[in-house]
């Protein structure tokens, strides 16, 4: 399975990474996130409870199943003022 993973806003800045392609089997967006969290250090930013995600440019929950070729995006909740 090949996934294109995108990081936006503060996550992009914290990780110093805009996107990457990952190979592996991930049953859901959360399984992918757990894999990324194992990297430790700055990657802990993805452990936030209010993390937002999208699969193929549609907002989704962490339980969203993944398929080969999917694009997954992680971004922080937007707050306004």
PDB file of N, CA and C in Angstrom:
ATOM      1  N   UNK A   1       0.841  -1.172   0.000  1.00  0.00           N
ATOM      2  CA  UNK A   1       0.000   0.000   0.000  1.00  0.00           C
ATOM      3  C   UNK A   1       0.888   1.237   0.000  1.00  0.00           C
ATOM      4  N   UNK A   2       0.556   2.167  -0.846  1.00  0.00           N
ATOM      5  CA  UNK A   2       1.290   3.422  -0.932  1.00  0.00           C
ATOM      6  C   UNK A   2       0.332   4.567  -0.624  1.00  0.00           C
ATOM      7  N   UNK A   3       0.732   5.443   0.285  1.00  0.00           N
ATOM      8  CA  UNK A   3      -0.094   6.581   0.675  1.00  0.00           C
ATOM      9  C   UNK A   3       0.688   7.873   0.518  1.00  0.00           C
ATOM     10  N   UNK A   4       0.012   8.922   0.083  1.00  0.00           N
ATOM     11  CA  UNK A   4       0.592  10.259   0.043  1.00  0.00           C
ATOM     12  C   UNK A   4       0.083  10.992   1.276  1.00  0.00           C
ATOM     13  N   UNK A   5       0.978  11.375   2.170  1.00  0.00           N
ATOM     14  CA  UNK A   5       0.588  12.015   3.422  1.00  0.00           C
ATOM     15  C   UNK A   5       1.004  13.483   3.382  1.00  0.00           C
ATOM     16  N   UNK A   6       0.047  14.361   3.677  1.00  0.00           N
ATOM     17  CA  UNK A   6       0.255  15.806   3.649  1.00  0.00           C
ATOM     18  C   UNK A   6       0.159  16.351   5.075  1.00  0.00           C
ATOM     19  N   UNK A   7       0.976  17.347   5.388  1.00  0.00           N
ATOM     20  CA  UNK A   7       0.950  18.005   6.697  1.00  0.00           C
ATOM     21  C   UNK A   7       0.721  19.488   6.462  1.00  0.00           C
ATOM     22  N   UNK A   8      -0.208  20.077   7.214  1.00  0.00           N
ATOM     23  CA  UNK A   8      -0.569  21.474   6.987  1.00  0.00           C
ATOM     24  C   UNK A   8      -0.389  22.326   8.237  1.00  0.00           C
ATOM     25  N   UNK A   9      -0.260  23.628   7.997  1.00  0.00           N
ATOM     26  CA  UNK A   9      -0.209  24.671   9.026  1.00  0.00           C
ATOM     27  C   UNK A   9       0.882  24.376  10.055  1.00  0.00           C
ATOM     28  N   UNK A  10       0.525  24.416  11.324  1.00  0.00           N
ATOM     29  CA  UNK A  10       1.488  24.231  12.410  1.00  0.00           C
ATOM     30  C   UNK A  10       2.173  22.869  12.344  1.00  0.00           C
ATOM     31  N   UNK A  11       1.476  21.854  11.870  1.00  0.00           N
ATOM     32  CA  UNK A  11       2.100  20.526  11.763  1.00  0.00           C
ATOM     33  C   UNK A  11       3.246  20.563  10.756  1.00  0.00           C
ATOM     34  N   UNK A  12       3.030  21.217   9.641  1.00  0.00           N
ATOM     35  CA  UNK A  12       4.081  21.344   8.623  1.00  0.00           C
ATOM     36  C   UNK A  12       5.288  22.066   9.202  1.00  0.00           C
ATOM     37  N   UNK A  13       5.031  23.127   9.941  1.00  0.00           N
ATOM     38  CA  UNK A  13       6.121  23.905  10.533  1.00  0.00           C
ATOM     39  C   UNK A  13       6.870  23.097  11.586  1.00  0.00           C
ATOM     40  N   UNK A  14       6.137  22.407  12.449  1.00  0.00           N
ATOM     41  CA  UNK A  14       6.750  21.623  13.526  1.00  0.00           C
ATOM     42  C   UNK A  14       7.575  20.464  12.978  1.00  0.00           C
ATOM     43  N   UNK A  15       7.042  19.788  11.979  1.00  0.00           N
ATOM     44  CA  UNK A  15       7.710  18.612  11.428  1.00  0.00           C
ATOM     45  C   UNK A  15       8.762  18.966  10.377  1.00  0.00           C
ATOM     46  N   UNK A  16       8.677  20.168   9.833  1.00  0.00           N
ATOM     47  CA  UNK A  16       9.602  20.564   8.777  1.00  0.00           C
ATOM     48  C   UNK A  16       9.401  19.741   7.511  1.00  0.00           C
ATOM     49  N   UNK A  17       8.152  19.319   7.303  1.00  0.00           N
ATOM     50  CA  UNK A  17       7.840  18.421   6.190  1.00  0.00           C
ATOM     51  C   UNK A  17       6.465  18.767   5.634  1.00  0.00           C
ATOM     52  N   UNK A  18       6.388  18.940   4.328  1.00  0.00           N
ATOM     53  CA  UNK A  18       5.122  19.264   3.676  1.00  0.00           C
ATOM     54  C   UNK A  18       4.337  18.002   3.335  1.00  0.00           C
ATOM     55  N   UNK A  19       5.047  16.992   2.843  1.00  0.00           N
ATOM     56  CA  UNK A  19       4.386  15.747   2.453  1.00  0.00           C
ATOM     57  C   UNK A  19       5.414  14.635   2.343  1.00  0.00           C
ATOM     58  N   UNK A  20       4.909  13.408   2.307  1.00  0.00           N
ATOM     59  CA  UNK A  20       5.770  12.247   2.102  1.00  0.00           C
ATOM     60  C   UNK A  20       4.921  11.103   1.575  1.00  0.00           C
ATOM     61  N   UNK A  21       5.581  10.160   0.947  1.00  0.00           N
ATOM     62  CA  UNK A  21       4.924   8.941   0.494  1.00  0.00           C
ATOM     63  C   UNK A  21       5.347   7.813   1.422  1.00  0.00           C
ATOM     64  N   UNK A  22       4.362   7.097   1.946  1.00  0.00           N
ATOM     65  CA  UNK A  22       4.639   5.993   2.858  1.00  0.00           C
ATOM     66  C   UNK A  22       4.183   4.681   2.252  1.00  0.00           C
ATOM     67  N   UNK A  23       4.970   3.668   2.452  1.00  0.00           N
ATOM     68  CA  UNK A  23       4.630   2.314   2.034  1.00  0.00           C
ATOM     69  C   UNK A  23       4.309   1.516   3.288  1.00  0.00           C
ATOM     70  N   UNK A  24       3.246   0.756   3.260  1.00  0.00           N
ATOM     71  CA  UNK A  24       2.879  -0.071   4.400  1.00  0.00           C
ATOM     72  C   UNK A  24       1.389  -0.338   4.381  1.00  0.00           C
ATOM     73  N   UNK A  25       0.939  -1.160   5.294  1.00  0.00           N
ATOM     74  CA  UNK A  25      -0.481  -1.489   5.393  1.00  0.00           C
ATOM     75  C   UNK A  25      -1.045  -0.791   6.621  1.00  0.00           C
ATOM     76  N   UNK A  26      -1.981   0.096   6.392  1.00  0.00           N
ATOM     77  CA  UNK A  26      -2.618   0.860   7.452  1.00  0.00           C
ATOM     78  C   UNK A  26      -4.123   0.713   7.284  1.00  0.00           C
ATOM     79  N   UNK A  27      -4.784   0.129   8.279  1.00  0.00           N
ATOM     80  CA  UNK A  27      -6.216  -0.136   8.181  1.00  0.00           C
ATOM     81  C   UNK A  27      -7.054   1.137   8.227  1.00  0.00           C
ATOM     82  N   UNK A  28      -6.545   2.164   8.908  1.00  0.00           N
ATOM     83  CA  UNK A  28      -7.318   3.391   9.090  1.00  0.00           C
ATOM     84  C   UNK A  28      -6.385   4.588   9.193  1.00  0.00           C
ATOM     85  N   UNK A  29      -6.982   5.768   9.185  1.00  0.00           N
ATOM     86  CA  UNK A  29      -6.198   6.987   9.362  1.00  0.00           C
ATOM     87  C   UNK A  29      -5.506   6.955  10.723  1.00  0.00           C
ATOM     88  N   UNK A  30      -6.205   6.457  11.747  1.00  0.00           N
ATOM     89  CA  UNK A  30      -5.585   6.405  13.065  1.00  0.00           C
ATOM     90  C   UNK A  30      -4.415   5.421  13.102  1.00  0.00           C
ATOM     91  N   UNK A  31      -4.509   4.312  12.399  1.00  0.00           N
ATOM     92  CA  UNK A  31      -3.385   3.372  12.344  1.00  0.00           C
ATOM     93  C   UNK A  31      -2.170   4.045  11.720  1.00  0.00           C
ATOM     94  N   UNK A  32      -2.390   4.846  10.699  1.00  0.00           N
ATOM     95  CA  UNK A  32      -1.310   5.618  10.084  1.00  0.00           C
ATOM     96  C   UNK A  32      -0.746   6.614  11.090  1.00  0.00           C
ATOM     97  N   UNK A  33      -1.632   7.325  11.792  1.00  0.00           N
ATOM     98  CA  UNK A  33      -1.187   8.294  12.783  1.00  0.00           C
ATOM     99  C   UNK A  33      -0.366   7.618  13.883  1.00  0.00           C
ATOM    100  N   UNK A  34      -0.798   6.469  14.351  1.00  0.00           N
ATOM    101  CA  UNK A  34      -0.051   5.745  15.383  1.00  0.00           C
ATOM    102  C   UNK A  34       1.345   5.364  14.880  1.00  0.00           C
ATOM    103  N   UNK A  35       1.432   4.975  13.621  1.00  0.00           N
ATOM    104  CA  UNK A  35       2.728   4.662  13.004  1.00  0.00           C
ATOM    105  C   UNK A  35       3.636   5.893  13.024  1.00  0.00           C
ATOM    106  N   UNK A  36       3.086   7.046  12.671  1.00  0.00           N
ATOM    107  CA  UNK A  36       3.862   8.281  12.646  1.00  0.00           C
ATOM    108  C   UNK A  36       4.288   8.694  14.049  1.00  0.00           C
ATOM    109  N   UNK A  37       3.430   8.492  15.038  1.00  0.00           N
ATOM    110  CA  UNK A  37       3.755   8.841  16.421  1.00  0.00           C
ATOM    111  C   UNK A  37       4.942   8.041  16.946  1.00  0.00           C
ATOM    112  N   UNK A  38       5.146   6.841  16.434  1.00  0.00           N
ATOM    113  CA  UNK A  38       6.271   6.009  16.867  1.00  0.00           C
ATOM    114  C   UNK A  38       7.614   6.629  16.496  1.00  0.00           C
ATOM    115  N   UNK A  39       7.615   7.607  15.625  1.00  0.00           N
ATOM    116  CA  UNK A  39       8.859   8.296  15.274  1.00  0.00           C
ATOM    117  C   UNK A  39       9.381   9.127  16.448  1.00  0.00           C
ATOM    118  N   UNK A  40       8.477   9.491  17.370  1.00  0.00           N
ATOM    119  CA  UNK A  40       8.862  10.244  18.559  1.00  0.00           C
ATOM    120  C   UNK A  40       9.205  11.693  18.266  1.00  0.00           C
ATOM    121  N   UNK A  41       9.707  12.378  19.273  1.00  0.00           N
ATOM    122  CA  UNK A  41      10.119  13.775  19.129  1.00  0.00           C
ATOM    123  C   UNK A  41       9.007  14.672  18.635  1.00  0.00           C
ATOM    124  N   UNK A  42       9.296  15.454  17.618  1.00  0.00           N
ATOM    125  CA  UNK A  42       8.340  16.420  17.077  1.00  0.00           C
ATOM    126  C   UNK A  42       7.048  15.760  16.602  1.00  0.00           C
ATOM    127  N   UNK A  43       7.124  14.476  16.263  1.00  0.00           N
ATOM    128  CA  UNK A  43       5.946  13.769  15.748  1.00  0.00           C
ATOM    129  C   UNK A  43       4.836  13.654  16.779  1.00  0.00           C
ATOM    130  N   UNK A  44       5.158  13.887  18.056  1.00  0.00           N
ATOM    131  CA  UNK A  44       4.147  13.848  19.115  1.00  0.00           C
ATOM    132  C   UNK A  44       3.055  14.896  18.894  1.00  0.00           C
ATOM    133  N   UNK A  45       3.330  15.893  18.058  1.00  0.00           N
ATOM    134  CA  UNK A  45       2.327  16.907  17.758  1.00  0.00           C
ATOM    135  C   UNK A  45       1.070  16.266  17.152  1.00  0.00           C
ATOM    136  N   UNK A  46       1.217  15.127  16.500  1.00  0.00           N
ATOM    137  CA  UNK A  46       0.072  14.453  15.891  1.00  0.00           C
ATOM    138  C   UNK A  46      -0.775  13.702  16.909  1.00  0.00           C
ATOM    139  N   UNK A  47      -0.386  13.725  18.175  1.00  0.00           N
ATOM    140  CA  UNK A  47      -1.156  13.064  19.235  1.00  0.00           C
ATOM    141  C   UNK A  47      -2.278  13.948  19.766  1.00  0.00           C
ATOM    142  N   UNK A  48      -2.363  15.173  19.296  1.00  0.00           N
ATOM    143  CA  UNK A  48      -3.401  16.085  19.771  1.00  0.00           C
ATOM    144  C   UNK A  48      -4.793  15.472  19.592  1.00  0.00           C
ATOM    145  N   UNK A  49      -5.635  15.661  20.596  1.00  0.00           N
ATOM    146  CA  UNK A  49      -6.980  15.095  20.537  1.00  0.00           C
ATOM    147  C   UNK A  49      -7.858  15.778  19.495  1.00  0.00           C
ATOM    148  N   UNK A  50      -7.592  17.039  19.228  1.00  0.00           N
ATOM    149  CA  UNK A  50      -8.444  17.776  18.286  1.00  0.00           C
ATOM    150  C   UNK A  50      -7.872  17.805  16.869  1.00  0.00           C
ATOM    151  N   UNK A  51      -7.026  16.844  16.536  1.00  0.00           N
ATOM    152  CA  UNK A  51      -6.437  16.777  15.199  1.00  0.00           C
ATOM    153  C   UNK A  51      -7.541  16.597  14.148  1.00  0.00           C
ATOM    154  N   UNK A  52      -7.368  17.246  13.029  1.00  0.00           N
ATOM    155  CA  UNK A  52      -8.304  17.082  11.918  1.00  0.00           C
ATOM    156  C   UNK A  52      -7.594  16.316  10.806  1.00  0.00           C
ATOM    157  N   UNK A  53      -8.375  15.572  10.040  1.00  0.00           N
ATOM    158  CA  UNK A  53      -7.773  14.795   8.960  1.00  0.00           C
ATOM    159  C   UNK A  53      -8.732  14.721   7.773  1.00  0.00           C
ATOM    160  N   UNK A  54      -8.144  14.414   6.642  1.00  0.00           N
ATOM    161  CA  UNK A  54      -8.917  14.262   5.412  1.00  0.00           C
ATOM    162  C   UNK A  54      -8.360  13.084   4.624  1.00  0.00           C
ATOM    163  N   UNK A  55      -9.241  12.410   3.943  1.00  0.00           N
ATOM    164  CA  UNK A  55      -8.855  11.317   3.035  1.00  0.00           C
ATOM    165  C   UNK A  55      -9.328  11.715   1.646  1.00  0.00           C
ATOM    166  N   UNK A  56      -8.405  11.786   0.723  1.00  0.00           N
ATOM    167  CA  UNK A  56      -8.706  12.180  -0.656  1.00  0.00           C
ATOM    168  C   UNK A  56      -9.495  13.493  -0.700  1.00  0.00           C
ATOM    169  N   UNK A  57      -9.041  14.444   0.106  1.00  0.00           N
ATOM    170  CA  UNK A  57      -9.543  15.815   0.168  1.00  0.00           C
ATOM    171  C   UNK A  57     -10.950  15.942   0.735  1.00  0.00           C
ATOM    172  N   UNK A  58     -11.433  14.913   1.441  1.00  0.00           N
ATOM    173  CA  UNK A  58     -12.703  14.983   2.149  1.00  0.00           C
ATOM    174  C   UNK A  58     -12.439  14.811   3.631  1.00  0.00           C
ATOM    175  N   UNK A  59     -12.967  15.729   4.465  1.00  0.00           N
ATOM    176  CA  UNK A  59     -12.801  15.590   5.904  1.00  0.00           C
ATOM    177  C   UNK A  59     -13.301  14.223   6.345  1.00  0.00           C
ATOM    178  N   UNK A  60     -12.606  13.632   7.308  1.00  0.00           N
ATOM    179  CA  UNK A  60     -12.988  12.303   7.775  1.00  0.00           C
ATOM    180  C   UNK A  60     -12.613  12.152   9.243  1.00  0.00           C
ATOM    181  N   UNK A  61     -13.025  11.062   9.829  1.00  0.00           N
ATOM    182  CA  UNK A  61     -12.652  10.749  11.205  1.00  0.00           C
ATOM    183  C   UNK A  61     -11.395   9.896  11.193  1.00  0.00           C
ATOM    184  N   UNK A  62     -10.804   9.738  12.354  1.00  0.00           N
ATOM    185  CA  UNK A  62      -9.610   8.901  12.464  1.00  0.00           C
ATOM    186  C   UNK A  62      -9.903   7.446  12.156  1.00  0.00           C
ATOM    187  N   UNK A  63     -11.166   7.038  12.252  1.00  0.00           N
ATOM    188  CA  UNK A  63     -11.524   5.642  11.978  1.00  0.00           C
ATOM    189  C   UNK A  63     -11.716   5.353  10.488  1.00  0.00           C
ATOM    190  N   UNK A  64     -11.551   6.358   9.651  1.00  0.00           N
ATOM    191  CA  UNK A  64     -11.730   6.205   8.197  1.00  0.00           C
ATOM    192  C   UNK A  64     -10.776   5.138   7.651  1.00  0.00           C
ATOM    193  N   UNK A  65     -11.305   4.143   6.924  1.00  0.00           N
ATOM    194  CA  UNK A  65     -10.433   3.118   6.340  1.00  0.00           C
ATOM    195  C   UNK A  65      -9.594   3.694   5.196  1.00  0.00           C
ATOM    196  N   UNK A  66      -8.447   3.088   4.973  1.00  0.00           N
ATOM    197  CA  UNK A  66      -7.542   3.536   3.916  1.00  0.00           C
ATOM    198  C   UNK A  66      -7.385   2.463   2.848  1.00  0.00           C
ATOM    199  N   UNK A  67      -7.094   2.931   1.637  1.00  0.00           N
ATOM    200  CA  UNK A  67      -6.846   2.037   0.505  1.00  0.00           C
ATOM    201  C   UNK A  67      -5.590   2.502  -0.217  1.00  0.00           C
ATOM    202  N   UNK A  68      -4.994   1.616  -0.977  1.00  0.00           N
ATOM    203  CA  UNK A  68      -3.797   1.931  -1.736  1.00  0.00           C
ATOM    204  C   UNK A  68      -4.023   3.162  -2.605  1.00  0.00           C
ATOM    205  N   UNK A  69      -3.070   4.082  -2.572  1.00  0.00           N
ATOM    206  CA  UNK A  69      -3.134   5.279  -3.395  1.00  0.00           C
ATOM    207  C   UNK A  69      -3.850   6.452  -2.759  1.00  0.00           C
ATOM    208  N   UNK A  70      -4.384   6.285  -1.550  1.00  0.00           N
ATOM    209  CA  UNK A  70      -5.087   7.380  -0.885  1.00  0.00           C
ATOM    210  C   UNK A  70      -4.134   8.518  -0.545  1.00  0.00           C
ATOM    211  N   UNK A  71      -4.724   9.712  -0.478  1.00  0.00           N
ATOM    212  CA  UNK A  71      -4.029  10.890   0.047  1.00  0.00           C
ATOM    213  C   UNK A  71      -4.632  11.181   1.410  1.00  0.00           C
ATOM    214  N   UNK A  72      -3.775  11.311   2.411  1.00  0.00           N
ATOM    215  CA  UNK A  72      -4.220  11.610   3.768  1.00  0.00           C
ATOM    216  C   UNK A  72      -3.596  12.927   4.192  1.00  0.00           C
ATOM    217  N   UNK A  73      -4.411  13.794   4.765  1.00  0.00           N
ATOM    218  CA  UNK A  73      -3.911  15.088   5.233  1.00  0.00           C
ATOM    219  C   UNK A  73      -4.202  15.230   6.718  1.00  0.00           C
ATOM    220  N   UNK A  74      -3.222  15.774   7.435  1.00  0.00           N
ATOM    221  CA  UNK A  74      -3.382  16.089   8.856  1.00  0.00           C
ATOM    222  C   UNK A  74      -3.242  17.590   9.029  1.00  0.00           C
ATOM    223  N   UNK A  75      -4.148  18.195   9.798  1.00  0.00           N
ATOM    224  CA  UNK A  75      -4.048  19.616  10.066  1.00  0.00           C
ATOM    225  C   UNK A  75      -4.705  19.931  11.400  1.00  0.00           C
ATOM    226  N   UNK A  76      -4.195  20.983  12.080  1.00  0.00           N
ATOM    227  CA  UNK A  76      -4.755  21.349  13.380  1.00  0.00           C
ATOM    228  C   UNK A  76      -6.099  22.029  13.211  1.00  0.00           C
ATOM    229  N   UNK A  77      -6.884  21.986  14.269  1.00  0.00           N
ATOM    230  CA  UNK A  77      -8.171  22.689  14.273  1.00  0.00           C
ATOM    231  C   UNK A  77      -7.922  24.175  14.087  1.00  0.00           C
ATOM    232  N   UNK A  78      -8.712  24.787  13.257  1.00  0.00           N
ATOM    233  CA  UNK A  78      -8.584  26.221  12.998  1.00  0.00           C
ATOM    234  C   UNK A  78      -9.430  26.974  14.013  1.00  0.00           C
ATOM    235  N   UNK A  79      -8.834  27.940  14.648  1.00  0.00           N
ATOM    236  CA  UNK A  79      -9.584  28.789  15.563  1.00  0.00           C
ATOM    237  C   UNK A  79      -9.567  30.214  15.039  1.00  0.00           C
ATOM    238  N   UNK A  80     -10.649  30.876  15.217  1.00  0.00           N
ATOM    239  CA  UNK A  80     -10.752  32.242  14.724  1.00  0.00           C
ATOM    240  C   UNK A  80     -10.969  33.218  15.862  1.00  0.00           C
ATOM    241  N   UNK A  81     -10.880  34.465  15.525  1.00  0.00           N
ATOM    242  CA  UNK A  81     -11.085  35.476  16.568  1.00  0.00           C
ATOM    243  C   UNK A  81     -11.527  36.767  15.970  1.00  0.00           C
TER     244      UNK A  81
END
